[in-house]
Amino acid sequence: MLYVEMLKMMLEVRADMRCLFVFLKGGMKALSTLLLLPLLLLMMPSVVVAQQTYVDDSLEVMEVFKQEAMENQADNEMKDEDKHKILFYMGVTLLILLCATAYLGVSMVVFNQEVFVKHMISAGLTVTLGLAHAVAAIVWFFPF
């Protein structure tokens, strides 16, 4: 099968090379074609082998890069225990901020203290931390 393809290619090359032998007549043309044909036969297998080797090498190279990417990804992943610890600390801080916001609100309404700015800052931090806590929990543990 491979030799049939090579012969077809050689016939195409021979047809293209006829323009080189136009100036030759009769016997010289046949002689030069006979001398050129073995040279073409020697060149064709090396071209076919080089093309096949290139395809195999590219697949091997891609496999190496894929393995390195998988190893790097495994190294960069956080463990579930670490994620749970981070969410726990965020939750504890969120409860503390929520209690502080409630205390400042009650002291502002019941005891007429001027703590509105502190109350608003505490409320803003509570809402921001609550959103960050929710987003982190959804991204890390919600099964998409």
N, C-alpha and C. Protein backbone atom coordinates (compact mmCIF):
# COMPACT_ATOMS: atom_id res chain seq x y z
N MET A 1 0.83 -1.19 0.00
CA MET A 1 0.00 0.00 0.00
C MET A 1 0.88 1.25 0.00
N LEU A 2 1.91 1.22 0.82
CA LEU A 2 2.81 2.36 0.90
C LEU A 2 3.58 2.55 -0.40
N TYR A 3 3.99 1.45 -1.00
CA TYR A 3 4.73 1.56 -2.26
C TYR A 3 3.86 2.05 -3.40
N VAL A 4 2.58 1.68 -3.37
CA VAL A 4 1.66 2.15 -4.41
C VAL A 4 1.53 3.67 -4.32
N GLU A 5 1.39 4.18 -3.10
CA GLU A 5 1.31 5.63 -2.92
C GLU A 5 2.60 6.31 -3.36
N MET A 6 3.73 5.68 -3.05
CA MET A 6 5.02 6.27 -3.46
C MET A 6 5.13 6.32 -4.97
N LEU A 7 4.70 5.25 -5.65
CA LEU A 7 4.77 5.24 -7.10
C LEU A 7 3.87 6.30 -7.71
N LYS A 8 2.68 6.47 -7.13
CA LYS A 8 1.79 7.53 -7.62
C LYS A 8 2.43 8.90 -7.45
N MET A 9 3.05 9.10 -6.30
CA MET A 9 3.71 10.39 -6.06
C MET A 9 4.86 10.59 -7.03
N MET A 10 5.59 9.49 -7.32
CA MET A 10 6.72 9.61 -8.24
C MET A 10 6.25 9.93 -9.65
N LEU A 11 5.11 9.37 -10.02
CA LEU A 11 4.57 9.68 -11.34
C LEU A 11 4.18 11.15 -11.42
N GLU A 12 3.64 11.67 -10.33
CA GLU A 12 3.31 13.10 -10.32
C GLU A 12 4.57 13.94 -10.41
N VAL A 13 5.59 13.54 -9.66
CA VAL A 13 6.86 14.28 -9.70
C VAL A 13 7.48 14.18 -11.09
N ARG A 14 7.39 12.99 -11.68
CA ARG A 14 7.95 12.79 -13.01
C ARG A 14 7.22 13.66 -14.03
N ALA A 15 5.88 13.76 -13.89
CA ALA A 15 5.11 14.61 -14.80
C ALA A 15 5.51 16.07 -14.64
N ASP A 16 5.78 16.47 -13.40
CA ASP A 16 6.20 17.86 -13.16
C ASP A 16 7.60 18.12 -13.68
N MET A 17 8.43 17.08 -13.69
CA MET A 17 9.82 17.28 -14.10
C MET A 17 9.99 17.19 -15.61
N ARG A 18 8.95 16.87 -16.35
CA ARG A 18 9.07 16.78 -17.81
C ARG A 18 9.51 18.10 -18.41
N CYS A 19 9.12 19.19 -17.74
CA CYS A 19 9.53 20.49 -18.29
C CYS A 19 11.06 20.63 -18.27
N LEU A 20 11.74 19.90 -17.37
CA LEU A 20 13.20 19.97 -17.34
C LEU A 20 13.84 19.23 -18.53
N PHE A 21 13.13 18.19 -19.02
CA PHE A 21 13.72 17.35 -20.06
C PHE A 21 13.20 17.67 -21.46
N VAL A 22 12.52 18.78 -21.63
CA VAL A 22 11.98 19.14 -22.94
C VAL A 22 13.10 19.31 -23.96
N PHE A 23 14.20 19.88 -23.51
CA PHE A 23 15.28 20.15 -24.46
C PHE A 23 16.02 18.88 -24.88
N LEU A 24 15.86 17.79 -24.11
CA LEU A 24 16.53 16.54 -24.48
C LEU A 24 15.71 15.80 -25.52
N LYS A 25 16.37 15.05 -26.38
CA LYS A 25 15.68 14.33 -27.45
C LYS A 25 15.87 12.83 -27.27
N GLY A 26 14.82 12.12 -27.60
CA GLY A 26 14.84 10.67 -27.73
C GLY A 26 15.54 9.92 -26.62
N GLY A 27 16.69 9.32 -26.95
CA GLY A 27 17.43 8.45 -26.05
C GLY A 27 17.94 9.16 -24.81
N MET A 28 18.36 10.41 -24.94
CA MET A 28 18.86 11.14 -23.78
C MET A 28 17.75 11.38 -22.77
N LYS A 29 16.56 11.62 -23.27
CA LYS A 29 15.45 11.84 -22.36
C LYS A 29 15.15 10.56 -21.58
N ALA A 30 15.09 9.45 -22.26
CA ALA A 30 14.83 8.18 -21.61
C ALA A 30 15.96 7.82 -20.65
N LEU A 31 17.19 8.08 -21.03
CA LEU A 31 18.34 7.79 -20.18
C LEU A 31 18.33 8.64 -18.92
N SER A 32 18.04 9.92 -19.09
CA SER A 32 18.01 10.80 -17.91
C SER A 32 16.85 10.43 -16.99
N THR A 33 15.72 10.01 -17.55
CA THR A 33 14.59 9.57 -16.73
C THR A 33 14.97 8.31 -15.97
N LEU A 34 15.65 7.39 -16.63
CA LEU A 34 16.07 6.16 -15.96
C LEU A 34 17.09 6.44 -14.85
N LEU A 35 17.92 7.43 -15.03
CA LEU A 35 18.88 7.77 -13.99
C LEU A 35 18.22 8.51 -12.83
N LEU A 36 17.21 9.28 -13.13
CA LEU A 36 16.54 10.06 -12.10
C LEU A 36 15.56 9.21 -11.29
N LEU A 37 14.97 8.19 -11.88
CA LEU A 37 13.98 7.36 -11.21
C LEU A 37 14.54 6.66 -9.95
N PRO A 38 15.70 6.04 -9.99
CA PRO A 38 16.23 5.43 -8.74
C PRO A 38 16.51 6.47 -7.66
N LEU A 39 16.93 7.64 -8.07
CA LEU A 39 17.18 8.70 -7.10
C LEU A 39 15.88 9.09 -6.40
N LEU A 40 14.81 9.21 -7.16
CA LEU A 40 13.52 9.53 -6.57
C LEU A 40 13.03 8.40 -5.68
N LEU A 41 13.28 7.15 -6.09
CA LEU A 41 12.89 6.02 -5.26
C LEU A 41 13.62 6.03 -3.92
N LEU A 42 14.87 6.44 -3.91
CA LEU A 42 15.62 6.51 -2.66
C LEU A 42 15.14 7.64 -1.75
N MET A 43 14.65 8.72 -2.34
CA MET A 43 14.22 9.87 -1.55
C MET A 43 12.84 9.66 -0.93
N MET A 44 11.95 8.98 -1.59
CA MET A 44 10.56 8.89 -1.14
C MET A 44 10.37 8.16 0.19
N PRO A 45 11.03 7.01 0.44
CA PRO A 45 10.81 6.36 1.74
C PRO A 45 11.23 7.23 2.92
N SER A 46 12.31 7.98 2.76
CA SER A 46 12.75 8.82 3.87
C SER A 46 11.74 9.92 4.17
N VAL A 47 11.09 10.44 3.15
CA VAL A 47 10.08 11.47 3.36
C VAL A 47 8.87 10.88 4.07
N VAL A 48 8.44 9.69 3.66
CA VAL A 48 7.28 9.05 4.28
C VAL A 48 7.59 8.70 5.73
N VAL A 49 8.77 8.15 6.00
CA VAL A 49 9.16 7.79 7.37
C VAL A 49 9.25 9.04 8.23
N ALA A 50 9.79 10.12 7.70
CA ALA A 50 9.90 11.35 8.47
C ALA A 50 8.53 11.89 8.84
N GLN A 51 7.56 11.79 7.94
CA GLN A 51 6.22 12.26 8.24
C GLN A 51 5.57 11.40 9.31
N GLN A 52 5.74 10.09 9.26
CA GLN A 52 5.15 9.22 10.26
C GLN A 52 5.78 9.45 11.63
N THR A 53 7.06 9.63 11.69
CA THR A 53 7.75 9.86 12.95
C THR A 53 7.30 11.16 13.57
N TYR A 54 7.08 12.16 12.76
CA TYR A 54 6.66 13.46 13.28
C TYR A 54 5.31 13.37 13.96
N VAL A 55 4.39 12.62 13.42
CA VAL A 55 3.06 12.48 14.02
C VAL A 55 3.18 11.76 15.36
N ASP A 56 3.96 10.70 15.43
CA ASP A 56 4.12 9.96 16.68
C ASP A 56 4.80 10.82 17.74
N ASP A 57 5.80 11.60 17.37
CA ASP A 57 6.49 12.44 18.33
C ASP A 57 5.57 13.51 18.89
N SER A 58 4.72 14.07 18.06
CA SER A 58 3.84 15.12 18.55
C SER A 58 2.85 14.57 19.58
N LEU A 59 2.39 13.35 19.38
CA LEU A 59 1.49 12.76 20.36
C LEU A 59 2.20 12.51 21.68
N GLU A 60 3.43 12.06 21.61
CA GLU A 60 4.20 11.81 22.83
C GLU A 60 4.48 13.11 23.58
N VAL A 61 4.79 14.15 22.84
CA VAL A 61 5.06 15.45 23.46
C VAL A 61 3.80 15.97 24.15
N MET A 62 2.65 15.83 23.49
CA MET A 62 1.40 16.28 24.09
C MET A 62 1.08 15.50 25.36
N GLU A 63 1.39 14.21 25.38
CA GLU A 63 1.16 13.40 26.58
C GLU A 63 2.02 13.90 27.74
N VAL A 64 3.26 14.27 27.46
CA VAL A 64 4.14 14.77 28.51
C VAL A 64 3.58 16.06 29.09
N PHE A 65 3.14 16.97 28.22
CA PHE A 65 2.57 18.23 28.70
C PHE A 65 1.29 17.98 29.49
N LYS A 66 0.49 17.02 29.05
CA LYS A 66 -0.75 16.72 29.76
C LYS A 66 -0.46 16.17 31.15
N GLN A 67 0.55 15.30 31.26
CA GLN A 67 0.91 14.75 32.57
C GLN A 67 1.42 15.84 33.49
N GLU A 68 2.25 16.76 32.97
CA GLU A 68 2.75 17.85 33.80
C GLU A 68 1.62 18.76 34.26
N ALA A 69 0.65 19.01 33.39
CA ALA A 69 -0.48 19.86 33.76
C ALA A 69 -1.32 19.19 34.86
N MET A 70 -1.50 17.88 34.77
CA MET A 70 -2.27 17.17 35.79
C MET A 70 -1.54 17.20 37.14
N GLU A 71 -0.21 17.06 37.12
CA GLU A 71 0.56 17.11 38.36
C GLU A 71 0.49 18.50 38.98
N ASN A 72 0.61 19.54 38.16
CA ASN A 72 0.53 20.91 38.68
C ASN A 72 -0.85 21.20 39.23
N GLN A 73 -1.89 20.71 38.58
CA GLN A 73 -3.24 20.94 39.05
C GLN A 73 -3.46 20.23 40.39
N ALA A 74 -2.93 19.03 40.53
CA ALA A 74 -3.08 18.30 41.79
C ALA A 74 -2.35 19.01 42.92
N ASP A 75 -1.22 19.64 42.62
CA ASP A 75 -0.48 20.35 43.66
C ASP A 75 -1.20 21.63 44.09
N ASN A 76 -1.90 22.28 43.19
CA ASN A 76 -2.54 23.57 43.49
C ASN A 76 -3.91 23.44 44.12
N GLU A 77 -4.50 22.27 44.12
CA GLU A 77 -5.83 22.09 44.68
C GLU A 77 -5.79 22.12 46.20
N MET A 78 -6.81 22.78 46.78
CA MET A 78 -6.93 22.80 48.23
C MET A 78 -7.69 21.56 48.69
N LYS A 79 -7.38 21.09 49.86
CA LYS A 79 -8.10 19.96 50.43
C LYS A 79 -9.43 20.46 50.98
N ASP A 80 -10.38 19.56 51.08
CA ASP A 80 -11.69 19.94 51.61
C ASP A 80 -11.60 20.40 53.07
N GLU A 81 -10.67 19.82 53.82
CA GLU A 81 -10.51 20.23 55.22
C GLU A 81 -10.10 21.71 55.31
N ASP A 82 -9.19 22.13 54.44
CA ASP A 82 -8.77 23.53 54.43
C ASP A 82 -9.92 24.45 54.04
N LYS A 83 -10.72 24.02 53.09
CA LYS A 83 -11.88 24.82 52.68
C LYS A 83 -12.88 24.95 53.83
N HIS A 84 -13.10 23.85 54.55
CA HIS A 84 -14.02 23.89 55.69
C HIS A 84 -13.49 24.82 56.78
N LYS A 85 -12.18 24.80 57.02
CA LYS A 85 -11.61 25.69 58.04
C LYS A 85 -11.79 27.15 57.65
N ILE A 86 -11.54 27.45 56.38
CA ILE A 86 -11.69 28.84 55.93
C ILE A 86 -13.15 29.29 56.08
N LEU A 87 -14.08 28.44 55.68
CA LEU A 87 -15.50 28.80 55.82
C LEU A 87 -15.90 28.91 57.29
N PHE A 88 -15.33 28.08 58.14
CA PHE A 88 -15.62 28.16 59.57
C PHE A 88 -15.16 29.50 60.15
N TYR A 89 -13.93 29.90 59.84
CA TYR A 89 -13.41 31.17 60.35
C TYR A 89 -14.20 32.35 59.79
N MET A 90 -14.61 32.25 58.53
CA MET A 90 -15.45 33.31 57.97
C MET A 90 -16.80 33.36 58.69
N GLY A 91 -17.36 32.21 59.00
CA GLY A 91 -18.64 32.15 59.70
C GLY A 91 -18.56 32.71 61.11
N VAL A 92 -17.48 32.39 61.84
CA VAL A 92 -17.30 32.92 63.19
C VAL A 92 -17.18 34.44 63.14
N THR A 93 -16.39 34.95 62.21
CA THR A 93 -16.23 36.41 62.07
C THR A 93 -17.56 37.04 61.68
N LEU A 94 -18.32 36.37 60.84
CA LEU A 94 -19.63 36.88 60.43
C LEU A 94 -20.58 36.97 61.62
N LEU A 95 -20.58 35.96 62.49
CA LEU A 95 -21.43 36.02 63.68
C LEU A 95 -21.01 37.14 64.62
N ILE A 96 -19.72 37.35 64.78
CA ILE A 96 -19.23 38.44 65.64
C ILE A 96 -19.67 39.79 65.08
N LEU A 97 -19.51 39.98 63.77
CA LEU A 97 -19.93 41.24 63.15
C LEU A 97 -21.44 41.43 63.24
N LEU A 98 -22.18 40.35 63.09
CA LEU A 98 -23.64 40.44 63.18
C LEU A 98 -24.07 40.84 64.60
N CYS A 99 -23.43 40.25 65.59
CA CYS A 99 -23.73 40.62 66.99
C CYS A 99 -23.35 42.07 67.26
N ALA A 100 -22.20 42.52 66.73
CA ALA A 100 -21.78 43.91 66.91
C ALA A 100 -22.75 44.88 66.24
N THR A 101 -23.23 44.52 65.07
CA THR A 101 -24.19 45.38 64.36
C THR A 101 -25.50 45.45 65.14
N ALA A 102 -25.95 44.32 65.65
CA ALA A 102 -27.19 44.31 66.45
C ALA A 102 -27.01 45.13 67.73
N TYR A 103 -25.89 44.98 68.41
CA TYR A 103 -25.63 45.74 69.64
C TYR A 103 -25.64 47.24 69.36
N LEU A 104 -24.95 47.65 68.27
CA LEU A 104 -24.91 49.08 67.94
C LEU A 104 -26.30 49.60 67.55
N GLY A 105 -27.08 48.79 66.86
CA GLY A 105 -28.44 49.20 66.51
C GLY A 105 -29.33 49.36 67.72
N VAL A 106 -29.25 48.39 68.64
CA VAL A 106 -30.06 48.47 69.86
C VAL A 106 -29.62 49.66 70.70
N SER A 107 -28.31 49.87 70.85
CA SER A 107 -27.83 50.99 71.66
C SER A 107 -28.21 52.33 71.02
N MET A 108 -28.33 52.38 69.71
CA MET A 108 -28.71 53.62 69.04
C MET A 108 -30.20 53.89 69.25
N VAL A 109 -31.04 52.86 69.18
CA VAL A 109 -32.49 53.07 69.29
C VAL A 109 -32.94 53.17 70.75
N VAL A 110 -32.51 52.24 71.59
CA VAL A 110 -33.00 52.17 72.97
C VAL A 110 -32.32 53.21 73.85
N PHE A 111 -31.01 53.37 73.72
CA PHE A 111 -30.27 54.24 74.64
C PHE A 111 -29.92 55.60 74.04
N ASN A 112 -30.39 55.90 72.83
CA ASN A 112 -30.16 57.18 72.15
C ASN A 112 -28.68 57.55 72.06
N GLN A 113 -27.84 56.60 71.75
CA GLN A 113 -26.42 56.88 71.58
C GLN A 113 -26.16 57.23 70.11
N GLU A 114 -25.16 58.06 69.86
CA GLU A 114 -24.79 58.48 68.50
C GLU A 114 -23.75 57.51 67.93
N VAL A 115 -24.19 56.36 67.49
CA VAL A 115 -23.30 55.35 66.92
C VAL A 115 -23.75 54.93 65.52
N PHE A 116 -24.42 55.86 64.82
CA PHE A 116 -24.96 55.52 63.51
C PHE A 116 -23.86 55.14 62.51
N VAL A 117 -22.76 55.90 62.47
CA VAL A 117 -21.68 55.62 61.52
C VAL A 117 -21.04 54.27 61.82
N LYS A 118 -20.80 54.01 63.11
CA LYS A 118 -20.23 52.71 63.49
C LYS A 118 -21.18 51.57 63.12
N HIS A 119 -22.48 51.80 63.37
CA HIS A 119 -23.48 50.80 63.02
C HIS A 119 -23.49 50.52 61.52
N MET A 120 -23.41 51.56 60.70
CA MET A 120 -23.43 51.39 59.24
C MET A 120 -22.16 50.70 58.74
N ILE A 121 -21.02 51.05 59.32
CA ILE A 121 -19.76 50.38 58.94
C ILE A 121 -19.83 48.90 59.31
N SER A 122 -20.31 48.60 60.49
CA SER A 122 -20.44 47.21 60.92
C SER A 122 -21.44 46.45 60.04
N ALA A 123 -22.53 47.09 59.67
CA ALA A 123 -23.52 46.45 58.80
C ALA A 123 -22.93 46.20 57.42
N GLY A 124 -22.18 47.15 56.89
CA GLY A 124 -21.55 46.96 55.58
C GLY A 124 -20.55 45.81 55.59
N LEU A 125 -19.74 45.74 56.63
CA LEU A 125 -18.79 44.63 56.74
C LEU A 125 -19.51 43.29 56.89
N THR A 126 -20.63 43.29 57.64
CA THR A 126 -21.39 42.06 57.82
C THR A 126 -21.96 41.56 56.50
N VAL A 127 -22.55 42.47 55.73
CA VAL A 127 -23.13 42.08 54.45
C VAL A 127 -22.04 41.60 53.48
N THR A 128 -20.92 42.32 53.43
CA THR A 128 -19.83 41.94 52.53
C THR A 128 -19.28 40.56 52.88
N LEU A 129 -19.03 40.34 54.17
CA LEU A 129 -18.51 39.04 54.59
C LEU A 129 -19.54 37.93 54.37
N GLY A 130 -20.81 38.24 54.58
CA GLY A 130 -21.86 37.25 54.33
C GLY A 130 -21.91 36.85 52.86
N LEU A 131 -21.81 37.83 51.95
CA LEU A 131 -21.79 37.50 50.52
C LEU A 131 -20.55 36.69 50.14
N ALA A 132 -19.38 37.08 50.67
CA ALA A 132 -18.15 36.34 50.38
C ALA A 132 -18.25 34.90 50.89
N HIS A 133 -18.83 34.73 52.08
CA HIS A 133 -19.00 33.41 52.66
C HIS A 133 -19.93 32.56 51.79
N ALA A 134 -21.02 33.13 51.33
CA ALA A 134 -21.97 32.40 50.49
C ALA A 134 -21.35 32.02 49.15
N VAL A 135 -20.65 32.95 48.52
CA VAL A 135 -20.03 32.66 47.22
C VAL A 135 -18.97 31.58 47.36
N ALA A 136 -18.13 31.67 48.39
CA ALA A 136 -17.09 30.66 48.59
C ALA A 136 -17.71 29.28 48.81
N ALA A 137 -18.75 29.22 49.60
CA ALA A 137 -19.40 27.92 49.88
C ALA A 137 -20.03 27.35 48.61
N ILE A 138 -20.67 28.18 47.80
CA ILE A 138 -21.30 27.69 46.56
C ILE A 138 -20.25 27.23 45.57
N VAL A 139 -19.19 28.01 45.41
CA VAL A 139 -18.16 27.64 44.43
C VAL A 139 -17.43 26.38 44.84
N TRP A 140 -17.14 26.23 46.12
CA TRP A 140 -16.35 25.09 46.56
C TRP A 140 -17.17 23.81 46.69
N PHE A 141 -18.43 23.90 47.14
CA PHE A 141 -19.15 22.69 47.53
C PHE A 141 -20.45 22.44 46.79
N PHE A 142 -20.95 23.37 46.01
CA PHE A 142 -22.20 23.12 45.29
C PHE A 142 -21.90 22.28 44.07
N PRO A 143 -22.59 21.15 43.90
CA PRO A 143 -22.26 20.24 42.79
C PRO A 143 -22.82 20.73 41.45
N PHE A 144 -21.97 21.29 40.65
CA PHE A 144 -22.38 21.76 39.31
C PHE A 144 -22.24 20.62 38.34
